[in-house]
Amino acid sequence: MGRGKFKGKPTGQRHFSHPDDLRAGTSSARPRSFKREEAEYEREEEENEEVVVEEESDGEEKKKGHENLIEVENPNRAKPKTVKARDLDVGKTTELSRREREELEKQRAHERYMRLQEQGKTEQARKDLERLALIRKQRQEASKKREEEKAVREAKKVEARK
């Protein structure tokens, strides 16, 4: 076993007992009364193990740790009950939580807005349509202007060839 955390100190080194020495009771760090207490504790553990073995034979599931000694009522450990299909109420409707209701309302409002947007009934849709109409008008004017310039250029080329 290691000799401690600190090394080379003027106060000396730490000395720890080996676990085997502790179990055997030969360690100088333990009082003699500890050995008797440990023997009593081991006897109690063996008795508890025998009781647990008898309880397990009754058909109960094996419990871990201190659960076999203490009966604990922990609501968080309760296993969820499985509901069979024949026990379900078909007519029973489950109520939504506040967050779920808000989420559904948000989705419905967005869908309603998008429908109105497609129909052009919202303020934003009107502005978009006006902007599109203006852009179409500008593009038509620009294309007419290009066609006129192209016609003028071709007329000049024809005159230059003659």
N, C-alpha and C. Protein backbone atom coordinates (compact mmCIF):
# COMPACT_ATOMS: atom_id res chain seq x y z
N MET A 1 0.85 -1.18 0.00
CA MET A 1 0.00 0.00 0.00
C MET A 1 0.89 1.23 0.00
N GLY A 2 0.37 2.34 -0.46
CA GLY A 2 1.13 3.58 -0.52
C GLY A 2 1.46 4.10 0.86
N ARG A 3 2.40 4.98 0.89
CA ARG A 3 2.85 5.53 2.17
C ARG A 3 2.34 6.94 2.40
N GLY A 4 1.35 7.39 1.69
CA GLY A 4 0.75 8.67 2.00
C GLY A 4 0.83 9.65 0.86
N LYS A 5 0.22 10.77 1.09
CA LYS A 5 0.12 11.78 0.06
C LYS A 5 1.39 12.62 -0.03
N PHE A 6 1.97 12.96 1.09
CA PHE A 6 3.12 13.85 1.12
C PHE A 6 4.41 13.07 1.32
N LYS A 7 5.48 13.50 0.67
CA LYS A 7 6.77 12.81 0.80
C LYS A 7 7.86 13.83 1.12
N GLY A 8 8.82 13.41 1.92
CA GLY A 8 9.97 14.25 2.20
C GLY A 8 9.71 15.36 3.19
N LYS A 9 8.66 15.30 3.95
CA LYS A 9 8.40 16.33 4.95
C LYS A 9 9.24 16.06 6.19
N PRO A 10 9.60 17.09 6.89
CA PRO A 10 10.39 16.87 8.11
C PRO A 10 9.57 16.20 9.22
N THR A 11 8.24 16.24 9.11
CA THR A 11 7.40 15.62 10.15
C THR A 11 7.34 14.12 10.00
N GLY A 12 7.85 13.59 8.92
CA GLY A 12 7.82 12.14 8.73
C GLY A 12 6.77 11.75 7.70
N GLN A 13 6.72 10.48 7.40
CA GLN A 13 5.79 10.00 6.39
C GLN A 13 4.56 9.40 7.04
N ARG A 14 3.47 9.43 6.29
CA ARG A 14 2.25 8.80 6.76
C ARG A 14 2.34 7.31 6.54
N HIS A 15 1.74 6.55 7.44
CA HIS A 15 1.70 5.10 7.29
C HIS A 15 0.26 4.66 7.39
N PHE A 16 -0.17 3.93 6.36
CA PHE A 16 -1.54 3.44 6.34
C PHE A 16 -1.54 1.94 6.53
N SER A 17 -2.62 1.46 7.15
CA SER A 17 -2.77 0.02 7.34
C SER A 17 -3.25 -0.62 6.05
N HIS A 18 -2.82 -1.81 5.83
CA HIS A 18 -3.25 -2.58 4.66
C HIS A 18 -4.66 -3.10 4.94
N PRO A 19 -5.54 -3.16 3.92
CA PRO A 19 -6.92 -3.64 4.15
C PRO A 19 -6.97 -5.06 4.74
N ASP A 20 -6.01 -5.89 4.36
CA ASP A 20 -5.99 -7.25 4.92
C ASP A 20 -5.72 -7.21 6.42
N ASP A 21 -4.83 -6.30 6.84
CA ASP A 21 -4.54 -6.15 8.26
C ASP A 21 -5.78 -5.67 9.01
N LEU A 22 -6.51 -4.76 8.37
CA LEU A 22 -7.72 -4.25 9.02
C LEU A 22 -8.74 -5.36 9.23
N ARG A 23 -8.94 -6.21 8.20
CA ARG A 23 -9.90 -7.30 8.32
C ARG A 23 -9.46 -8.34 9.36
N ALA A 24 -8.18 -8.58 9.40
CA ALA A 24 -7.67 -9.59 10.33
C ALA A 24 -7.63 -9.08 11.76
N GLY A 25 -7.65 -7.75 11.94
CA GLY A 25 -7.61 -7.19 13.27
C GLY A 25 -6.21 -7.06 13.82
N THR A 26 -5.20 -7.20 12.98
CA THR A 26 -3.81 -7.11 13.45
C THR A 26 -3.25 -5.71 13.30
N SER A 27 -4.03 -4.79 12.77
CA SER A 27 -3.55 -3.43 12.58
C SER A 27 -3.41 -2.74 13.92
N SER A 28 -2.40 -1.94 14.04
CA SER A 28 -2.16 -1.25 15.30
C SER A 28 -3.09 -0.04 15.44
N ALA A 29 -3.73 0.37 14.35
CA ALA A 29 -4.57 1.56 14.39
C ALA A 29 -5.95 1.26 14.97
N ARG A 30 -6.38 0.00 15.00
CA ARG A 30 -7.71 -0.32 15.48
C ARG A 30 -7.68 -0.75 16.94
N PRO A 31 -8.65 -0.29 17.69
CA PRO A 31 -8.74 -0.78 19.07
C PRO A 31 -9.25 -2.22 19.09
N ARG A 32 -8.98 -2.93 20.14
CA ARG A 32 -9.39 -4.33 20.22
C ARG A 32 -10.90 -4.48 20.26
N SER A 33 -11.60 -3.50 20.82
CA SER A 33 -13.05 -3.59 20.90
C SER A 33 -13.69 -3.55 19.51
N PHE A 34 -12.99 -2.95 18.56
CA PHE A 34 -13.51 -2.86 17.21
C PHE A 34 -13.67 -4.25 16.60
N LYS A 35 -12.76 -5.14 16.91
CA LYS A 35 -12.82 -6.50 16.38
C LYS A 35 -14.09 -7.19 16.86
N ARG A 36 -14.44 -7.01 18.13
CA ARG A 36 -15.66 -7.63 18.65
C ARG A 36 -16.90 -7.03 17.98
N GLU A 37 -16.92 -5.69 17.83
CA GLU A 37 -18.05 -5.02 17.18
C GLU A 37 -18.20 -5.49 15.75
N GLU A 38 -17.08 -5.66 15.05
CA GLU A 38 -17.12 -6.11 13.67
C GLU A 38 -17.66 -7.53 13.58
N ALA A 39 -17.28 -8.39 14.51
CA ALA A 39 -17.78 -9.76 14.52
C ALA A 39 -19.29 -9.77 14.74
N GLU A 40 -19.78 -8.91 15.64
CA GLU A 40 -21.22 -8.83 15.88
C GLU A 40 -21.94 -8.32 14.62
N TYR A 41 -21.35 -7.33 13.97
CA TYR A 41 -21.94 -6.77 12.76
C TYR A 41 -22.02 -7.82 11.66
N GLU A 42 -20.95 -8.63 11.50
CA GLU A 42 -20.95 -9.69 10.49
C GLU A 42 -22.03 -10.72 10.79
N ARG A 43 -22.20 -11.05 12.08
CA ARG A 43 -23.25 -12.02 12.44
C ARG A 43 -24.63 -11.46 12.08
N GLU A 44 -24.86 -10.17 12.35
CA GLU A 44 -26.14 -9.56 12.01
C GLU A 44 -26.36 -9.57 10.50
N GLU A 45 -25.32 -9.30 9.73
CA GLU A 45 -25.44 -9.32 8.27
C GLU A 45 -25.82 -10.71 7.79
N GLU A 46 -25.20 -11.74 8.34
CA GLU A 46 -25.51 -13.10 7.93
C GLU A 46 -26.96 -13.44 8.25
N GLU A 47 -27.44 -13.00 9.41
CA GLU A 47 -28.84 -13.24 9.77
C GLU A 47 -29.77 -12.53 8.80
N ASN A 48 -29.44 -11.28 8.45
CA ASN A 48 -30.27 -10.52 7.51
C ASN A 48 -30.28 -11.19 6.14
N GLU A 49 -29.13 -11.73 5.71
CA GLU A 49 -29.07 -12.42 4.43
C GLU A 49 -29.96 -13.64 4.43
N GLU A 50 -30.00 -14.37 5.56
CA GLU A 50 -30.87 -15.53 5.65
C GLU A 50 -32.32 -15.11 5.55
N VAL A 51 -32.69 -14.00 6.20
CA VAL A 51 -34.06 -13.51 6.14
C VAL A 51 -34.40 -13.10 4.72
N VAL A 52 -33.46 -12.46 4.05
CA VAL A 52 -33.70 -12.03 2.67
C VAL A 52 -33.89 -13.24 1.78
N VAL A 53 -33.11 -14.28 1.97
CA VAL A 53 -33.24 -15.49 1.16
C VAL A 53 -34.62 -16.11 1.38
N GLU A 54 -35.11 -16.11 2.62
CA GLU A 54 -36.43 -16.65 2.89
C GLU A 54 -37.51 -15.79 2.24
N GLU A 55 -37.35 -14.46 2.27
CA GLU A 55 -38.33 -13.57 1.65
C GLU A 55 -38.33 -13.73 0.14
N GLU A 56 -37.16 -13.95 -0.46
CA GLU A 56 -37.08 -14.11 -1.90
C GLU A 56 -37.77 -15.38 -2.35
N SER A 57 -37.76 -16.38 -1.54
CA SER A 57 -38.41 -17.62 -1.91
C SER A 57 -39.92 -17.47 -1.96
N ASP A 58 -40.47 -16.39 -1.35
CA ASP A 58 -41.91 -16.15 -1.38
C ASP A 58 -42.36 -15.64 -2.74
N GLY A 59 -41.46 -15.31 -3.65
CA GLY A 59 -41.83 -14.87 -4.99
C GLY A 59 -41.61 -13.38 -5.20
N GLU A 60 -41.11 -12.67 -4.22
CA GLU A 60 -40.85 -11.25 -4.40
C GLU A 60 -39.54 -11.05 -5.17
N GLU A 61 -39.44 -9.89 -5.82
CA GLU A 61 -38.21 -9.61 -6.55
C GLU A 61 -37.09 -9.24 -5.58
N LYS A 62 -35.87 -9.46 -6.02
CA LYS A 62 -34.70 -9.21 -5.17
C LYS A 62 -34.46 -7.71 -5.09
N LYS A 63 -34.28 -7.20 -3.88
CA LYS A 63 -34.04 -5.78 -3.68
C LYS A 63 -32.55 -5.54 -3.45
N LYS A 64 -32.10 -4.39 -3.89
CA LYS A 64 -30.68 -4.08 -3.80
C LYS A 64 -30.41 -3.18 -2.61
N GLY A 65 -29.18 -3.20 -2.11
CA GLY A 65 -28.72 -2.27 -1.09
C GLY A 65 -29.51 -2.36 0.20
N HIS A 66 -29.91 -1.20 0.71
CA HIS A 66 -30.61 -1.14 1.98
C HIS A 66 -32.10 -1.41 1.84
N GLU A 67 -32.59 -1.58 0.62
CA GLU A 67 -34.02 -1.78 0.41
C GLU A 67 -34.53 -3.05 1.08
N ASN A 68 -33.64 -4.04 1.22
CA ASN A 68 -34.09 -5.27 1.85
C ASN A 68 -34.25 -5.09 3.36
N LEU A 69 -33.64 -4.04 3.92
CA LEU A 69 -33.74 -3.80 5.36
C LEU A 69 -34.88 -2.84 5.69
N ILE A 70 -35.09 -1.84 4.85
CA ILE A 70 -36.07 -0.81 5.13
C ILE A 70 -37.10 -0.80 4.01
N GLU A 71 -38.37 -0.75 4.38
CA GLU A 71 -39.43 -0.65 3.38
C GLU A 71 -39.60 0.84 3.07
N VAL A 72 -39.34 1.24 1.83
CA VAL A 72 -39.35 2.64 1.45
C VAL A 72 -40.54 2.91 0.55
N GLU A 73 -41.27 3.99 0.83
CA GLU A 73 -42.35 4.43 -0.03
C GLU A 73 -41.87 5.65 -0.80
N ASN A 74 -41.34 5.45 -1.96
CA ASN A 74 -40.85 6.55 -2.79
C ASN A 74 -41.76 6.65 -4.00
N PRO A 75 -42.53 7.73 -4.12
CA PRO A 75 -43.45 7.84 -5.26
C PRO A 75 -42.73 7.93 -6.60
N ASN A 76 -41.48 8.37 -6.59
CA ASN A 76 -40.74 8.47 -7.84
C ASN A 76 -40.27 7.11 -8.33
N ARG A 77 -40.20 6.13 -7.45
CA ARG A 77 -39.76 4.80 -7.85
C ARG A 77 -40.90 3.92 -8.33
N ALA A 78 -42.13 4.41 -8.18
CA ALA A 78 -43.29 3.61 -8.56
C ALA A 78 -43.23 3.28 -10.04
N LYS A 79 -43.46 2.02 -10.34
CA LYS A 79 -43.44 1.61 -11.73
C LYS A 79 -44.76 2.00 -12.39
N PRO A 80 -44.72 2.49 -13.63
CA PRO A 80 -45.96 2.87 -14.29
C PRO A 80 -46.81 1.64 -14.58
N LYS A 81 -48.10 1.80 -14.38
CA LYS A 81 -49.00 0.68 -14.63
C LYS A 81 -49.26 0.58 -16.12
N THR A 82 -49.28 -0.64 -16.61
CA THR A 82 -49.60 -0.84 -18.02
C THR A 82 -51.11 -0.97 -18.14
N VAL A 83 -51.68 -0.19 -19.03
CA VAL A 83 -53.12 -0.20 -19.21
C VAL A 83 -53.45 -1.07 -20.42
N LYS A 84 -54.35 -1.98 -20.22
CA LYS A 84 -54.73 -2.87 -21.32
C LYS A 84 -55.74 -2.17 -22.21
N ALA A 85 -55.82 -2.63 -23.45
CA ALA A 85 -56.69 -2.00 -24.44
C ALA A 85 -58.15 -2.10 -24.02
N ARG A 86 -58.55 -3.16 -23.38
CA ARG A 86 -59.96 -3.32 -23.01
C ARG A 86 -60.35 -2.39 -21.86
N ASP A 87 -59.35 -1.90 -21.10
CA ASP A 87 -59.63 -1.02 -19.98
C ASP A 87 -59.65 0.46 -20.37
N LEU A 88 -59.26 0.77 -21.60
CA LEU A 88 -59.21 2.16 -22.04
C LEU A 88 -60.61 2.71 -22.27
N ASP A 89 -60.80 4.00 -21.93
CA ASP A 89 -62.04 4.68 -22.23
C ASP A 89 -61.89 5.36 -23.57
N VAL A 90 -62.68 4.93 -24.55
CA VAL A 90 -62.56 5.49 -25.90
C VAL A 90 -63.12 6.91 -25.92
N GLY A 91 -64.17 7.16 -25.18
CA GLY A 91 -64.81 8.47 -25.19
C GLY A 91 -64.06 9.51 -24.41
N LYS A 92 -63.14 9.10 -23.60
CA LYS A 92 -62.41 10.05 -22.74
C LYS A 92 -61.39 10.83 -23.57
N THR A 93 -61.46 12.15 -23.46
CA THR A 93 -60.49 12.99 -24.18
C THR A 93 -59.48 13.52 -23.17
N THR A 94 -58.24 13.53 -23.56
CA THR A 94 -57.20 14.02 -22.67
C THR A 94 -57.09 15.53 -22.86
N GLU A 95 -56.93 16.23 -21.76
CA GLU A 95 -56.77 17.68 -21.84
C GLU A 95 -55.30 18.01 -22.12
N LEU A 96 -55.13 19.03 -22.94
CA LEU A 96 -53.78 19.44 -23.31
C LEU A 96 -53.20 20.33 -22.23
N SER A 97 -51.90 20.30 -22.13
CA SER A 97 -51.23 21.18 -21.18
C SER A 97 -51.22 22.60 -21.74
N ARG A 98 -50.87 23.56 -20.92
CA ARG A 98 -50.85 24.96 -21.36
C ARG A 98 -49.90 25.16 -22.53
N ARG A 99 -48.74 24.56 -22.43
CA ARG A 99 -47.75 24.72 -23.52
C ARG A 99 -48.26 24.11 -24.82
N GLU A 100 -48.88 22.94 -24.74
CA GLU A 100 -49.41 22.30 -25.94
C GLU A 100 -50.52 23.15 -26.56
N ARG A 101 -51.41 23.69 -25.69
CA ARG A 101 -52.49 24.56 -26.21
C ARG A 101 -51.90 25.78 -26.90
N GLU A 102 -50.91 26.42 -26.28
CA GLU A 102 -50.31 27.61 -26.88
C GLU A 102 -49.65 27.28 -28.20
N GLU A 103 -49.00 26.12 -28.28
CA GLU A 103 -48.34 25.71 -29.52
C GLU A 103 -49.37 25.50 -30.63
N LEU A 104 -50.49 24.84 -30.30
CA LEU A 104 -51.55 24.64 -31.30
C LEU A 104 -52.15 25.96 -31.76
N GLU A 105 -52.40 26.87 -30.82
CA GLU A 105 -52.95 28.18 -31.19
C GLU A 105 -51.98 28.93 -32.09
N LYS A 106 -50.71 28.83 -31.80
CA LYS A 106 -49.69 29.50 -32.61
C LYS A 106 -49.69 28.94 -34.04
N GLN A 107 -49.76 27.61 -34.16
CA GLN A 107 -49.78 26.99 -35.49
C GLN A 107 -51.03 27.40 -36.28
N ARG A 108 -52.19 27.39 -35.60
CA ARG A 108 -53.43 27.77 -36.28
C ARG A 108 -53.39 29.23 -36.73
N ALA A 109 -52.88 30.11 -35.88
CA ALA A 109 -52.78 31.52 -36.24
C ALA A 109 -51.86 31.71 -37.45
N HIS A 110 -50.76 30.97 -37.47
CA HIS A 110 -49.82 31.07 -38.60
C HIS A 110 -50.49 30.58 -39.89
N GLU A 111 -51.23 29.46 -39.81
CA GLU A 111 -51.91 28.93 -40.99
C GLU A 111 -52.96 29.92 -41.50
N ARG A 112 -53.73 30.53 -40.57
CA ARG A 112 -54.75 31.51 -40.94
C ARG A 112 -54.09 32.70 -41.64
N TYR A 113 -52.99 33.18 -41.09
CA TYR A 113 -52.27 34.31 -41.68
C TYR A 113 -51.77 33.98 -43.08
N MET A 114 -51.23 32.76 -43.24
CA MET A 114 -50.71 32.38 -44.56
C MET A 114 -51.84 32.29 -45.59
N ARG A 115 -53.04 31.80 -45.18
CA ARG A 115 -54.19 31.75 -46.10
C ARG A 115 -54.57 33.16 -46.53
N LEU A 116 -54.65 34.07 -45.58
CA LEU A 116 -54.98 35.46 -45.91
C LEU A 116 -53.90 36.08 -46.78
N GLN A 117 -52.66 35.72 -46.53
CA GLN A 117 -51.54 36.22 -47.32
C GLN A 117 -51.68 35.79 -48.78
N GLU A 118 -52.06 34.51 -48.98
CA GLU A 118 -52.23 34.01 -50.35
C GLU A 118 -53.37 34.71 -51.06
N GLN A 119 -54.43 35.03 -50.31
CA GLN A 119 -55.58 35.69 -50.91
C GLN A 119 -55.33 37.19 -51.12
N GLY A 120 -54.26 37.70 -50.50
CA GLY A 120 -53.91 39.11 -50.67
C GLY A 120 -54.70 40.03 -49.78
N LYS A 121 -55.19 39.55 -48.66
CA LYS A 121 -56.02 40.36 -47.78
C LYS A 121 -55.26 41.01 -46.64
N THR A 122 -54.00 40.65 -46.45
CA THR A 122 -53.23 41.25 -45.37
C THR A 122 -52.52 42.50 -45.87
N GLU A 123 -52.13 43.36 -44.96
CA GLU A 123 -51.44 44.60 -45.30
C GLU A 123 -50.12 44.31 -46.02
N GLN A 124 -49.39 43.32 -45.51
CA GLN A 124 -48.10 42.97 -46.12
C GLN A 124 -48.31 42.44 -47.55
N ALA A 125 -49.35 41.66 -47.75
CA ALA A 125 -49.63 41.13 -49.09
C ALA A 125 -49.96 42.26 -50.05
N ARG A 126 -50.75 43.24 -49.59
CA ARG A 126 -51.08 44.38 -50.45
C ARG A 126 -49.82 45.14 -50.87
N LYS A 127 -48.94 45.38 -49.89
CA LYS A 127 -47.70 46.09 -50.21
C LYS A 127 -46.85 45.29 -51.20
N ASP A 128 -46.79 43.98 -50.99
CA ASP A 128 -46.02 43.14 -51.91
C ASP A 128 -46.59 43.19 -53.32
N LEU A 129 -47.92 43.13 -53.43
CA LEU A 129 -48.56 43.17 -54.75
C LEU A 129 -48.33 44.51 -55.45
N GLU A 130 -48.40 45.61 -54.66
CA GLU A 130 -48.11 46.93 -55.25
C GLU A 130 -46.68 46.99 -55.75
N ARG A 131 -45.75 46.47 -54.96
CA ARG A 131 -44.34 46.46 -55.34
C ARG A 131 -44.14 45.63 -56.62
N LEU A 132 -44.80 44.47 -56.68
CA LEU A 132 -44.68 43.63 -57.87
C LEU A 132 -45.24 44.33 -59.11
N ALA A 133 -46.37 45.00 -58.94
CA ALA A 133 -46.97 45.70 -60.08
C ALA A 133 -46.02 46.80 -60.57
N LEU A 134 -45.40 47.51 -59.64
CA LEU A 134 -44.46 48.56 -60.00
C LEU A 134 -43.25 47.99 -60.74
N ILE A 135 -42.73 46.87 -60.25
CA ILE A 135 -41.57 46.23 -60.88
C ILE A 135 -41.93 45.75 -62.29
N ARG A 136 -43.13 45.14 -62.43
CA ARG A 136 -43.55 44.69 -63.77
C ARG A 136 -43.64 45.86 -64.75
N LYS A 137 -44.21 46.97 -64.27
CA LYS A 137 -44.34 48.14 -65.13
C LYS A 137 -42.97 48.66 -65.56
N GLN A 138 -42.01 48.71 -64.58
CA GLN A 138 -40.66 49.18 -64.91
C GLN A 138 -39.99 48.24 -65.91
N ARG A 139 -40.17 46.96 -65.74
CA ARG A 139 -39.55 46.00 -66.66
C ARG A 139 -40.15 46.12 -68.06
N GLN A 140 -41.46 46.31 -68.15
CA GLN A 140 -42.08 46.47 -69.47
C GLN A 140 -41.54 47.72 -70.17
N GLU A 141 -41.45 48.81 -69.41
CA GLU A 141 -40.92 50.05 -69.99
C GLU A 141 -39.48 49.86 -70.44
N ALA A 142 -38.66 49.15 -69.63
CA ALA A 142 -37.26 48.92 -69.99
C ALA A 142 -37.17 48.04 -71.23
N SER A 143 -38.03 47.03 -71.34
CA SER A 143 -37.97 46.16 -72.53
C SER A 143 -38.40 46.93 -73.78
N LYS A 144 -39.41 47.80 -73.68
CA LYS A 144 -39.82 48.62 -74.82
C LYS A 144 -38.68 49.53 -75.25
N LYS A 145 -38.00 50.11 -74.26
CA LYS A 145 -36.89 51.01 -74.55
C LYS A 145 -35.77 50.26 -75.27
N ARG A 146 -35.46 49.03 -74.79
CA ARG A 146 -34.41 48.22 -75.44
C ARG A 146 -34.80 47.88 -76.88
N GLU A 147 -36.09 47.53 -77.07
CA GLU A 147 -36.53 47.20 -78.43
C GLU A 147 -36.41 48.41 -79.36
N GLU A 148 -36.77 49.57 -78.88
CA GLU A 148 -36.65 50.79 -79.69
C GLU A 148 -35.20 51.08 -80.04
N GLU A 149 -34.30 50.95 -79.03
CA GLU A 149 -32.87 51.17 -79.29
C GLU A 149 -32.33 50.16 -80.29
N LYS A 150 -32.78 48.91 -80.18
CA LYS A 150 -32.34 47.88 -81.10
C LYS A 150 -32.82 48.19 -82.52
N ALA A 151 -34.04 48.65 -82.62
CA ALA A 151 -34.59 49.00 -83.94
C ALA A 151 -33.81 50.17 -84.54
N VAL A 152 -33.45 51.15 -83.72
CA VAL A 152 -32.68 52.30 -84.20
C VAL A 152 -31.31 51.85 -84.68
N ARG A 153 -30.65 50.95 -83.94
CA ARG A 153 -29.33 50.46 -84.33
C ARG A 153 -29.40 49.69 -85.65
N GLU A 154 -30.41 48.87 -85.79
CA GLU A 154 -30.55 48.10 -87.04
C GLU A 154 -30.81 49.04 -88.23
N ALA A 155 -31.58 50.07 -87.96
CA ALA A 155 -31.85 51.04 -89.04
C ALA A 155 -30.57 51.74 -89.47
N LYS A 156 -29.72 52.07 -88.50
CA LYS A 156 -28.44 52.69 -88.83
C LYS A 156 -27.55 51.75 -89.61
N LYS A 157 -27.55 50.46 -89.23
CA LYS A 157 -26.73 49.48 -89.97
C LYS A 157 -27.20 49.34 -91.40
N VAL A 158 -28.52 49.33 -91.57
CA VAL A 158 -29.07 49.20 -92.93
C VAL A 158 -28.68 50.43 -93.78
N GLU A 159 -28.77 51.61 -93.18
CA GLU A 159 -28.39 52.82 -93.91
C GLU A 159 -26.89 52.85 -94.22
N ALA A 160 -26.07 52.32 -93.32
CA ALA A 160 -24.63 52.34 -93.54
C ALA A 160 -24.25 51.38 -94.67
N ARG A 161 -24.98 50.34 -94.88
CA ARG A 161 -24.68 49.38 -95.96
C ARG A 161 -25.06 49.94 -97.32
N LYS A 162 -26.00 50.83 -97.36
CA LYS A 162 -26.46 51.34 -98.65
C LYS A 162 -25.55 52.33 -99.21
